[in-house]
Amino acid sequence: MISYGIIPVIECTDGFKILLVQHAQGHWSFPKGRPEPEETPFETATRELFEETGLGIDRLIQDQPLTEHYRFYHKGKLIDKTVSYFLALVRGKVDIQEEELRDYCFATLEEAKQKVTFDQARSILDQLNLPKQGT
């Protein structure tokens, strides 16, 4: 199973903050979802960001996506999942999709590393190259 997502970043007066979402299952991570037919990975990630949070992309921070790979059981079946995330500055007002998300928060990079549920997401955060303030 393949999904694509955005690691949404906003610039605040005190630095950059990352938007984390709490999925319906309870875990904290980033907005993501599966592609529709003929969609590119970036189109999927952009659509999912908008559907789940109401936010749009201002600009990409990194050209290459960051990828996590994990396995889990769903209804007794082992699922092998790969998710590629694009790091992007976002714009707009957060309006979460309540059918899929429980909550959201903005966090510094260090706060985000503490808040995300799974080690794979923490590893993705360790690889981020956030811009310097004011760029």
Protein backbone atom coordinates (compact mmCIF):
# COMPACT_ATOMS: atom_id res chain seq x y z
CA MET A 1 0.00 0.00 0.00
CA ILE A 2 1.33 3.42 -0.97
CA SER A 3 0.30 6.81 0.41
CA TYR A 4 1.52 10.36 0.02
CA GLY A 5 1.41 13.28 2.40
CA ILE A 6 2.64 16.71 3.32
CA ILE A 7 4.64 17.70 6.36
CA PRO A 8 2.97 21.12 6.74
CA VAL A 9 5.13 23.95 8.06
CA ILE A 10 4.20 27.53 8.94
CA GLU A 11 6.51 30.42 9.74
CA CYS A 12 5.80 32.12 13.08
CA THR A 13 7.52 35.09 14.70
CA ASP A 14 9.47 32.68 16.92
CA GLY A 15 10.45 30.21 14.18
CA PHE A 16 8.93 27.46 12.09
CA LYS A 17 6.21 25.16 13.40
CA ILE A 18 5.01 21.83 12.05
CA LEU A 19 1.35 20.91 11.84
CA LEU A 20 0.65 17.51 13.37
CA VAL A 21 -2.72 15.81 13.08
CA GLN A 22 -4.29 13.22 15.32
CA HIS A 23 -5.82 10.57 13.10
CA ALA A 24 -9.16 8.94 13.96
CA GLN A 25 -7.31 5.86 15.27
CA GLY A 26 -5.61 8.11 17.86
CA HIS A 27 -2.04 8.40 16.59
CA TRP A 28 -0.26 11.69 15.89
CA SER A 29 1.44 12.12 12.52
CA PHE A 30 1.06 14.11 9.29
CA PRO A 31 -1.79 14.45 6.76
CA LYS A 32 -1.64 11.69 4.15
CA GLY A 33 -3.72 9.49 1.91
CA ARG A 34 -3.87 7.12 -1.04
CA PRO A 35 -3.63 8.26 -4.65
CA GLU A 36 -6.56 8.46 -7.00
CA PRO A 37 -6.16 7.14 -10.57
CA GLU A 38 -3.74 9.19 -12.70
CA GLU A 39 -2.68 11.42 -9.78
CA THR A 40 0.99 12.21 -9.26
CA PRO A 41 2.45 11.74 -5.76
CA PHE A 42 2.55 15.52 -5.20
CA GLU A 43 -1.03 15.94 -6.45
CA THR A 44 -2.16 13.24 -4.01
CA ALA A 45 -0.29 14.85 -1.12
CA THR A 46 -1.66 18.31 -1.95
CA ARG A 47 -5.25 17.03 -2.27
CA GLU A 48 -5.04 15.09 0.99
CA LEU A 49 -3.62 18.11 2.81
CA PHE A 50 -6.51 20.25 1.62
CA GLU A 51 -9.18 17.60 2.31
CA GLU A 52 -7.91 16.85 5.81
CA THR A 53 -6.86 20.34 6.96
CA GLY A 54 -8.20 22.97 4.54
CA LEU A 55 -4.62 24.17 3.92
CA GLY A 56 -2.88 24.82 0.62
CA ILE A 57 0.75 24.70 -0.44
CA ASP A 58 2.71 27.96 -0.49
CA ARG A 59 5.99 26.36 -1.61
CA LEU A 60 8.02 23.19 -1.26
CA ILE A 61 10.93 23.37 1.19
CA GLN A 62 12.64 20.19 -0.05
CA ASP A 63 12.39 18.87 -3.60
CA GLN A 64 12.76 15.21 -2.64
CA PRO A 65 10.13 13.52 -0.47
CA LEU A 66 10.99 11.71 2.77
CA THR A 67 9.76 8.13 2.98
CA GLU A 68 8.70 5.86 5.81
CA HIS A 69 7.96 2.16 5.56
CA TYR A 70 6.07 0.08 8.11
CA ARG A 71 3.84 -2.94 8.60
CA PHE A 72 0.68 -3.35 10.60
CA TYR A 73 -2.28 -5.68 10.91
CA HIS A 74 -5.70 -4.58 9.74
CA LYS A 75 -8.64 -6.99 10.14
CA GLY A 76 -6.17 -9.86 10.59
CA LYS A 77 -4.24 -9.10 7.40
CA LEU A 78 -0.62 -7.88 7.36
CA ILE A 79 -0.37 -4.56 5.52
CA ASP A 80 2.96 -3.40 4.11
CA LYS A 81 2.81 0.40 3.79
CA THR A 82 5.08 3.05 2.30
CA VAL A 83 4.37 6.75 2.77
CA SER A 84 6.28 9.54 1.03
CA TYR A 85 6.01 13.03 2.50
CA PHE A 86 6.74 16.39 0.90
CA LEU A 87 7.98 19.14 3.22
CA ALA A 88 6.13 22.35 2.40
CA LEU A 89 5.25 25.79 3.71
CA VAL A 90 1.47 25.97 3.85
CA ARG A 91 -1.15 28.71 3.86
CA GLY A 92 -4.73 29.07 4.97
CA LYS A 93 -6.81 28.44 8.06
CA VAL A 94 -6.92 24.94 9.56
CA ASP A 95 -10.31 23.26 9.18
CA ILE A 96 -9.87 19.58 10.05
CA GLN A 97 -11.88 16.84 8.38
CA GLU A 98 -13.66 15.44 11.43
CA GLU A 99 -14.44 12.10 9.74
CA GLU A 100 -10.70 11.28 9.58
CA LEU A 101 -9.04 13.48 12.19
CA ARG A 102 -9.60 14.06 15.89
CA ASP A 103 -7.33 17.03 16.54
CA TYR A 104 -4.34 19.05 15.40
CA CYS A 105 -1.54 21.13 16.85
CA PHE A 106 1.36 23.30 15.73
CA ALA A 107 4.68 22.26 17.25
CA THR A 108 8.34 23.16 17.08
CA LEU A 109 10.56 20.47 15.62
CA GLU A 110 11.56 19.29 19.10
CA GLU A 111 7.95 19.32 20.34
CA ALA A 112 6.88 17.38 17.24
CA LYS A 113 9.49 14.69 17.93
CA GLN A 114 7.95 14.23 21.37
CA LYS A 115 4.34 14.29 20.15
CA VAL A 116 4.39 11.92 17.15
CA THR A 117 3.28 8.42 18.05
CA PHE A 118 5.52 6.21 15.94
CA ASP A 119 9.30 5.96 15.58
CA GLN A 120 9.00 6.11 11.79
CA ALA A 121 7.49 9.61 12.02
CA ARG A 122 10.20 10.62 14.48
CA SER A 123 12.82 9.40 11.99
CA ILE A 124 11.21 11.54 9.27
CA LEU A 125 11.39 14.57 11.58
CA ASP A 126 15.10 13.85 12.20
CA GLN A 127 15.67 14.22 8.44
CA LEU A 128 13.96 17.61 8.04
CA ASN A 129 15.91 20.55 6.72
CA LEU A 130 13.81 23.48 7.86
CA PRO A 131 14.66 26.89 6.40
CA LYS A 132 16.28 29.63 8.46
CA GLN A 133 13.96 32.26 9.93
CA GLY A 134 12.97 34.92 7.39
CA THR A 135 13.82 32.95 4.23
